[in-house]
Structure formats: C-alpha cells, structure tokens
C-alpha cells in the first residue's frame, strides 16, 4: 500500500532554469527558478512560476519578456548563487562572472556561458496563490554548437542540465539514457477478465 505524504511540492527533481530579464533601468538580472516547464507545443510555450516578492517578478511584468537559460551541471555554483542573491542590491551577472547578451528578438538578456536558451515574449499571467505563472511564447531557441547532435537538436547528455529536489534542497545531474520512445506499435498485455 502507498503511504500518503500530504499535499506538498514533492515530485521527482525539477529542472533548474535561470530566468533572465532587464529591470526598469535596463540592467540585466537573472534568477534561478525550479517551478517551470513546457506547457504548450503550438504555439511553443513555457511556464515559469515566480513569487511576487522576487525582483525578477516586477522586471518581467515591466519588460513583458524573459529568457530561460539552462545551466550545465558544471555551473551549479553559479545557478545556486543566482537563486540566492537579489537583483535589487546585487549585479548578479558581475558577481557570478557571467555575461549578459541582449536578445535580438525579445527585451531580455540571455546568459552567454550557459549552453541552452529560450527567448520568450510574455503571453499570459496566471495568479495561482503564492506564485504567479508566467507563460511565455518561445520565439527562438539558441544552443551552443557543442551540445547539438548531427540532426541539430540539443543532446541532453551534452547539455548536462541540473535538476533540483525542492523538499530536500539538493541538486542532481541528469542520469543515463534509457532508450528510444516508441510512438506506435506498443502492445499491451490483455486485461484479465474479472468474475
């Protein structure tokens, strides 16, 4: 029998993404967020949930744009710092020795040193409770050439994204590849008849 754990935010580790924006003065800002994921395929969209207390929350509303930056496992210290320091009183890019690159598509920077970026324009905001979900339409994906496959797609093993377990506050690396997903031809065992 399964054990009830109650209504909590327990789930397998979530992706560690760095959300980058400009503030009202045009200074680049970035924060680590783990309440995030893909939420639509057509148009391609991503959802990121932020608390109103964060500096990034106000910046994102002001600029109506953001980037999602995927740090590699080797950049866990930088990602952790970006989630702890506040852009209100810290130039996080300078302190973390990271480079802000102005997007040519949206009014937001991306982090040059990270291997993968999604450039997003704000499409919707959804008030949930403590968090507000920002849904961004992905206008472009940029990737470092060394993380791309021969087919031109990001290879998860080469990107080496960071995962985060919120309830225990620990970071993890991506595990091994398990195999190709089968879209058709799946044969399930027949369900036994009950009497």
C-alpha atoms as a PDB file:
ATOM      1  CA  UNK A   1       0.000   0.000   0.000  1.00  0.00           C
ATOM      2  CA  UNK A   2       1.221   3.506  -0.836  1.00  0.00           C
ATOM      3  CA  UNK A   3       1.967   5.908   2.021  1.00  0.00           C
ATOM      4  CA  UNK A   4       0.217   9.306   1.981  1.00  0.00           C
ATOM      5  CA  UNK A   5       2.647  12.232   2.192  1.00  0.00           C
ATOM      6  CA  UNK A   6       0.053  15.008   2.154  1.00  0.00           C
ATOM      7  CA  UNK A   7      -0.408  17.995  -0.144  1.00  0.00           C
ATOM      8  CA  UNK A   8       3.193  19.067  -0.722  1.00  0.00           C
ATOM      9  CA  UNK A   9       5.519  20.022  -3.571  1.00  0.00           C
ATOM     10  CA  UNK A  10       7.185  16.617  -3.631  1.00  0.00           C
ATOM     11  CA  UNK A  11       7.948  15.316  -7.092  1.00  0.00           C
ATOM     12  CA  UNK A  12      10.986  13.928  -8.811  1.00  0.00           C
ATOM     13  CA  UNK A  13      13.633  16.642  -9.223  1.00  0.00           C
ATOM     14  CA  UNK A  14      12.585  19.623 -11.325  1.00  0.00           C
ATOM     15  CA  UNK A  15      14.687  21.422 -13.958  1.00  0.00           C
ATOM     16  CA  UNK A  16      16.970  24.222 -12.802  1.00  0.00           C
ATOM     17  CA  UNK A  17      16.357  27.137 -15.116  1.00  0.00           C
ATOM     18  CA  UNK A  18      17.695  30.664 -14.895  1.00  0.00           C
ATOM     19  CA  UNK A  19      15.159  33.318 -15.852  1.00  0.00           C
ATOM     20  CA  UNK A  20      16.770  36.483 -17.215  1.00  0.00           C
ATOM     21  CA  UNK A  21      15.184  39.905 -17.631  1.00  0.00           C
ATOM     22  CA  UNK A  22      16.099  43.580 -17.743  1.00  0.00           C
ATOM     23  CA  UNK A  23      14.977  45.829 -14.904  1.00  0.00           C
ATOM     24  CA  UNK A  24      13.374  49.254 -15.377  1.00  0.00           C
ATOM     25  CA  UNK A  25      16.821  50.880 -15.669  1.00  0.00           C
ATOM     26  CA  UNK A  26      17.907  48.393 -18.350  1.00  0.00           C
ATOM     27  CA  UNK A  27      20.248  46.412 -16.067  1.00  0.00           C
ATOM     28  CA  UNK A  28      20.362  42.661 -16.705  1.00  0.00           C
ATOM     29  CA  UNK A  29      19.001  40.451 -13.947  1.00  0.00           C
ATOM     30  CA  UNK A  30      18.773  36.676 -13.568  1.00  0.00           C
ATOM     31  CA  UNK A  31      17.232  34.315 -11.028  1.00  0.00           C
ATOM     32  CA  UNK A  32      17.153  30.568 -10.665  1.00  0.00           C
ATOM     33  CA  UNK A  33      13.664  29.064 -10.799  1.00  0.00           C
ATOM     34  CA  UNK A  34      12.597  25.463 -10.465  1.00  0.00           C
ATOM     35  CA  UNK A  35       8.827  25.850 -10.750  1.00  0.00           C
ATOM     36  CA  UNK A  36       8.992  25.703 -14.534  1.00  0.00           C
ATOM     37  CA  UNK A  37       8.305  23.510 -17.532  1.00  0.00           C
ATOM     38  CA  UNK A  38       6.996  23.292 -21.069  1.00  0.00           C
ATOM     39  CA  UNK A  39       3.262  23.969 -21.197  1.00  0.00           C
ATOM     40  CA  UNK A  40       2.215  24.069 -24.877  1.00  0.00           C
ATOM     41  CA  UNK A  41       3.521  22.806 -28.198  1.00  0.00           C
ATOM     42  CA  UNK A  42       1.555  25.044 -30.572  1.00  0.00           C
ATOM     43  CA  UNK A  43       2.495  27.818 -30.091  1.00  0.00           C
ATOM     44  CA  UNK A  44       5.599  26.589 -28.281  1.00  0.00           C
ATOM     45  CA  UNK A  45       5.320  27.897 -24.715  1.00  0.00           C
ATOM     46  CA  UNK A  46       6.984  27.567 -21.364  1.00  0.00           C
ATOM     47  CA  UNK A  47       5.527  28.284 -17.929  1.00  0.00           C
ATOM     48  CA  UNK A  48       7.568  29.763 -15.079  1.00  0.00           C
ATOM     49  CA  UNK A  49       6.100  30.401 -11.629  1.00  0.00           C
ATOM     50  CA  UNK A  50       7.566  33.229  -9.534  1.00  0.00           C
ATOM     51  CA  UNK A  51       6.697  34.799  -6.189  1.00  0.00           C
ATOM     52  CA  UNK A  52       5.700  38.471  -6.221  1.00  0.00           C
ATOM     53  CA  UNK A  53       8.475  39.171  -3.698  1.00  0.00           C
ATOM     54  CA  UNK A  54      11.205  38.416  -6.242  1.00  0.00           C
ATOM     55  CA  UNK A  55      12.923  41.209  -8.136  1.00  0.00           C
ATOM     56  CA  UNK A  56      12.510  39.264 -11.379  1.00  0.00           C
ATOM     57  CA  UNK A  57       8.713  39.269 -10.978  1.00  0.00           C
ATOM     58  CA  UNK A  58       8.497  43.052 -11.406  1.00  0.00           C
ATOM     59  CA  UNK A  59      11.130  43.116 -14.143  1.00  0.00           C
ATOM     60  CA  UNK A  60       9.283  40.500 -16.161  1.00  0.00           C
ATOM     61  CA  UNK A  61       5.985  42.368 -15.898  1.00  0.00           C
ATOM     62  CA  UNK A  62       7.650  45.640 -16.907  1.00  0.00           C
ATOM     63  CA  UNK A  63       9.526  44.221 -19.904  1.00  0.00           C
ATOM     64  CA  UNK A  64       6.909  41.624 -20.983  1.00  0.00           C
ATOM     65  CA  UNK A  65       9.741  39.289 -21.977  1.00  0.00           C
ATOM     66  CA  UNK A  66      12.244  36.861 -20.481  1.00  0.00           C
ATOM     67  CA  UNK A  67      14.736  34.197 -21.392  1.00  0.00           C
ATOM     68  CA  UNK A  68      15.016  30.720 -19.939  1.00  0.00           C
ATOM     69  CA  UNK A  69      18.659  29.702 -19.589  1.00  0.00           C
ATOM     70  CA  UNK A  70      19.686  26.119 -18.917  1.00  0.00           C
ATOM     71  CA  UNK A  71      22.926  25.876 -16.941  1.00  0.00           C
ATOM     72  CA  UNK A  72      25.123  22.774 -17.188  1.00  0.00           C
ATOM     73  CA  UNK A  73      25.944  20.604 -14.174  1.00  0.00           C
ATOM     74  CA  UNK A  74      29.418  22.170 -14.110  1.00  0.00           C
ATOM     75  CA  UNK A  75      27.698  25.548 -13.490  1.00  0.00           C
ATOM     76  CA  UNK A  76      25.752  24.513 -10.372  1.00  0.00           C
ATOM     77  CA  UNK A  77      27.560  27.060  -8.156  1.00  0.00           C
ATOM     78  CA  UNK A  78      26.554  29.923 -10.460  1.00  0.00           C
ATOM     79  CA  UNK A  79      22.957  28.669 -10.683  1.00  0.00           C
ATOM     80  CA  UNK A  80      22.746  28.348  -6.899  1.00  0.00           C
ATOM     81  CA  UNK A  81      24.090  31.885  -6.402  1.00  0.00           C
ATOM     82  CA  UNK A  82      21.567  33.325  -8.878  1.00  0.00           C
ATOM     83  CA  UNK A  83      18.792  31.747  -6.818  1.00  0.00           C
ATOM     84  CA  UNK A  84      20.016  33.173  -3.505  1.00  0.00           C
ATOM     85  CA  UNK A  85      21.177  36.738  -4.244  1.00  0.00           C
ATOM     86  CA  UNK A  86      18.691  39.515  -5.080  1.00  0.00           C
ATOM     87  CA  UNK A  87      18.979  41.719  -8.146  1.00  0.00           C
ATOM     88  CA  UNK A  88      17.645  44.624  -6.062  1.00  0.00           C
ATOM     89  CA  UNK A  89      21.040  45.107  -4.457  1.00  0.00           C
ATOM     90  CA  UNK A  90      23.440  42.899  -6.438  1.00  0.00           C
ATOM     91  CA  UNK A  91      24.682  42.900 -10.021  1.00  0.00           C
ATOM     92  CA  UNK A  92      24.301  39.144 -10.249  1.00  0.00           C
ATOM     93  CA  UNK A  93      25.926  38.814 -13.676  1.00  0.00           C
ATOM     94  CA  UNK A  94      29.095  40.562 -12.477  1.00  0.00           C
ATOM     95  CA  UNK A  95      29.178  38.736  -9.137  1.00  0.00           C
ATOM     96  CA  UNK A  96      28.780  35.323 -10.814  1.00  0.00           C
ATOM     97  CA  UNK A  97      31.258  36.210 -13.616  1.00  0.00           C
ATOM     98  CA  UNK A  98      28.579  35.677 -16.263  1.00  0.00           C
ATOM     99  CA  UNK A  99      27.930  37.605 -19.468  1.00  0.00           C
ATOM    100  CA  UNK A 100      24.533  39.106 -20.356  1.00  0.00           C
ATOM    101  CA  UNK A 101      23.841  39.045 -24.104  1.00  0.00           C
ATOM    102  CA  UNK A 102      20.974  41.154 -25.455  1.00  0.00           C
ATOM    103  CA  UNK A 103      18.399  39.075 -27.325  1.00  0.00           C
ATOM    104  CA  UNK A 104      17.617  40.336 -30.813  1.00  0.00           C
ATOM    105  CA  UNK A 105      14.026  39.028 -30.517  1.00  0.00           C
ATOM    106  CA  UNK A 106      12.802  39.929 -27.030  1.00  0.00           C
ATOM    107  CA  UNK A 107      13.529  42.646 -24.474  1.00  0.00           C
ATOM    108  CA  UNK A 108      15.609  40.358 -22.256  1.00  0.00           C
ATOM    109  CA  UNK A 109      19.204  39.136 -21.974  1.00  0.00           C
ATOM    110  CA  UNK A 110      20.459  35.580 -22.016  1.00  0.00           C
ATOM    111  CA  UNK A 111      23.418  34.074 -20.164  1.00  0.00           C
ATOM    112  CA  UNK A 112      26.241  33.563 -22.687  1.00  0.00           C
ATOM    113  CA  UNK A 113      28.053  30.882 -20.683  1.00  0.00           C
ATOM    114  CA  UNK A 114      25.028  28.556 -20.356  1.00  0.00           C
ATOM    115  CA  UNK A 115      24.536  26.012 -23.164  1.00  0.00           C
ATOM    116  CA  UNK A 116      20.830  26.476 -23.958  1.00  0.00           C
ATOM    117  CA  UNK A 117      18.428  29.464 -24.071  1.00  0.00           C
ATOM    118  CA  UNK A 118      14.745  30.031 -24.831  1.00  0.00           C
ATOM    119  CA  UNK A 119      13.795  33.563 -25.866  1.00  0.00           C
ATOM    120  CA  UNK A 120      10.224  34.263 -24.753  1.00  0.00           C
ATOM    121  CA  UNK A 121       7.640  37.015 -25.006  1.00  0.00           C
ATOM    122  CA  UNK A 122       5.110  37.121 -22.197  1.00  0.00           C
ATOM    123  CA  UNK A 123       1.811  35.659 -23.387  1.00  0.00           C
ATOM    124  CA  UNK A 124      -0.237  35.147 -20.192  1.00  0.00           C
ATOM    125  CA  UNK A 125      -0.014  35.533 -16.436  1.00  0.00           C
ATOM    126  CA  UNK A 126      -1.984  33.263 -14.132  1.00  0.00           C
ATOM    127  CA  UNK A 127      -2.383  34.130 -10.453  1.00  0.00           C
ATOM    128  CA  UNK A 128      -2.204  30.849  -8.560  1.00  0.00           C
ATOM    129  CA  UNK A 129      -1.606  31.733  -4.910  1.00  0.00           C
ATOM    130  CA  UNK A 130       1.852  32.415  -3.528  1.00  0.00           C
ATOM    131  CA  UNK A 131       3.177  32.152  -7.091  1.00  0.00           C
ATOM    132  CA  UNK A 132       2.164  33.689 -10.413  1.00  0.00           C
ATOM    133  CA  UNK A 133       2.720  31.595 -13.503  1.00  0.00           C
ATOM    134  CA  UNK A 134       4.203  33.494 -16.440  1.00  0.00           C
ATOM    135  CA  UNK A 135       3.530  31.771 -19.738  1.00  0.00           C
ATOM    136  CA  UNK A 136       5.969  32.771 -22.421  1.00  0.00           C
ATOM    137  CA  UNK A 137       5.777  32.041 -26.111  1.00  0.00           C
ATOM    138  CA  UNK A 138       9.139  30.693 -27.270  1.00  0.00           C
ATOM    139  CA  UNK A 139      10.269  32.790 -30.229  1.00  0.00           C
ATOM    140  CA  UNK A 140      13.665  31.116 -30.598  1.00  0.00           C
ATOM    141  CA  UNK A 141      15.923  28.517 -29.021  1.00  0.00           C
ATOM    142  CA  UNK A 142      19.656  29.164 -29.041  1.00  0.00           C
ATOM    143  CA  UNK A 143      22.211  26.457 -28.284  1.00  0.00           C
ATOM    144  CA  UNK A 144      25.975  26.218 -28.059  1.00  0.00           C
ATOM    145  CA  UNK A 145      27.225  24.215 -31.080  1.00  0.00           C
ATOM    146  CA  UNK A 146      28.995  21.663 -28.859  1.00  0.00           C
ATOM    147  CA  UNK A 147      25.687  20.481 -27.317  1.00  0.00           C
ATOM    148  CA  UNK A 148      23.978  19.817 -30.667  1.00  0.00           C
ATOM    149  CA  UNK A 149      23.541  16.441 -32.331  1.00  0.00           C
ATOM    150  CA  UNK A 150      24.207  15.838 -36.025  1.00  0.00           C
ATOM    151  CA  UNK A 151      20.472  16.486 -36.542  1.00  0.00           C
ATOM    152  CA  UNK A 152      20.862  19.955 -34.991  1.00  0.00           C
ATOM    153  CA  UNK A 153      18.975  19.222 -31.759  1.00  0.00           C
ATOM    154  CA  UNK A 154      20.254  19.672 -28.201  1.00  0.00           C
ATOM    155  CA  UNK A 155      21.613  16.413 -26.773  1.00  0.00           C
ATOM    156  CA  UNK A 156      20.546  16.160 -23.111  1.00  0.00           C
ATOM    157  CA  UNK A 157      23.795  14.407 -22.183  1.00  0.00           C
ATOM    158  CA  UNK A 158      25.845  17.220 -23.734  1.00  0.00           C
ATOM    159  CA  UNK A 159      23.701  19.976 -22.230  1.00  0.00           C
ATOM    160  CA  UNK A 160      24.061  18.190 -18.847  1.00  0.00           C
ATOM    161  CA  UNK A 161      21.191  20.090 -17.169  1.00  0.00           C
ATOM    162  CA  UNK A 162      20.857  20.439 -13.407  1.00  0.00           C
ATOM    163  CA  UNK A 163      17.883  19.002 -11.525  1.00  0.00           C
ATOM    164  CA  UNK A 164      16.633  20.209  -8.138  1.00  0.00           C
ATOM    165  CA  UNK A 165      14.741  18.366  -5.393  1.00  0.00           C
ATOM    166  CA  UNK A 166      12.888  21.194  -3.586  1.00  0.00           C
ATOM    167  CA  UNK A 167      11.797  19.317  -0.461  1.00  0.00           C
ATOM    168  CA  UNK A 168      15.382  18.330   0.401  1.00  0.00           C
ATOM    169  CA  UNK A 169      17.069  21.325  -1.302  1.00  0.00           C
ATOM    170  CA  UNK A 170      19.582  19.249  -3.259  1.00  0.00           C
ATOM    171  CA  UNK A 171      20.901  19.387  -6.812  1.00  0.00           C
ATOM    172  CA  UNK A 172      21.291  16.381  -9.116  1.00  0.00           C
ATOM    173  CA  UNK A 173      22.727  15.660 -12.554  1.00  0.00           C
ATOM    174  CA  UNK A 174      20.861  14.041 -15.435  1.00  0.00           C
ATOM    175  CA  UNK A 175      21.063  10.250 -15.414  1.00  0.00           C
ATOM    176  CA  UNK A 176      21.682   7.744 -18.133  1.00  0.00           C
ATOM    177  CA  UNK A 177      19.704   7.442 -21.357  1.00  0.00           C
ATOM    178  CA  UNK A 178      17.117   4.675 -21.061  1.00  0.00           C
ATOM    179  CA  UNK A 179      16.186   4.178 -24.714  1.00  0.00           C
ATOM    180  CA  UNK A 180      14.133   5.425 -27.634  1.00  0.00           C
ATOM    181  CA  UNK A 181      10.488   6.339 -27.035  1.00  0.00           C
ATOM    182  CA  UNK A 182       8.098   4.289 -29.132  1.00  0.00           C
ATOM    183  CA  UNK A 183       5.220   6.317 -30.536  1.00  0.00           C
ATOM    184  CA  UNK A 184       3.415   3.450 -32.297  1.00  0.00           C
ATOM    185  CA  UNK A 185       3.268  -0.297 -32.118  1.00  0.00           C
ATOM    186  CA  UNK A 186       3.011  -0.617 -28.357  1.00  0.00           C
ATOM    187  CA  UNK A 187       1.447  -3.933 -27.424  1.00  0.00           C
ATOM    188  CA  UNK A 188      -0.118  -4.143 -24.029  1.00  0.00           C
ATOM    189  CA  UNK A 189      -0.955  -7.381 -22.291  1.00  0.00           C
ATOM    190  CA  UNK A 190      -4.681  -8.161 -22.316  1.00  0.00           C
ATOM    191  CA  UNK A 191      -6.508  -7.236 -19.125  1.00  0.00           C
ATOM    192  CA  UNK A 192      -7.687 -10.422 -17.397  1.00  0.00           C
ATOM    193  CA  UNK A 193     -11.423 -10.800 -17.134  1.00  0.00           C
ATOM    194  CA  UNK A 194     -12.919 -10.469 -13.680  1.00  0.00           C
ATOM    195  CA  UNK A 195     -15.784 -12.587 -12.485  1.00  0.00           C
END
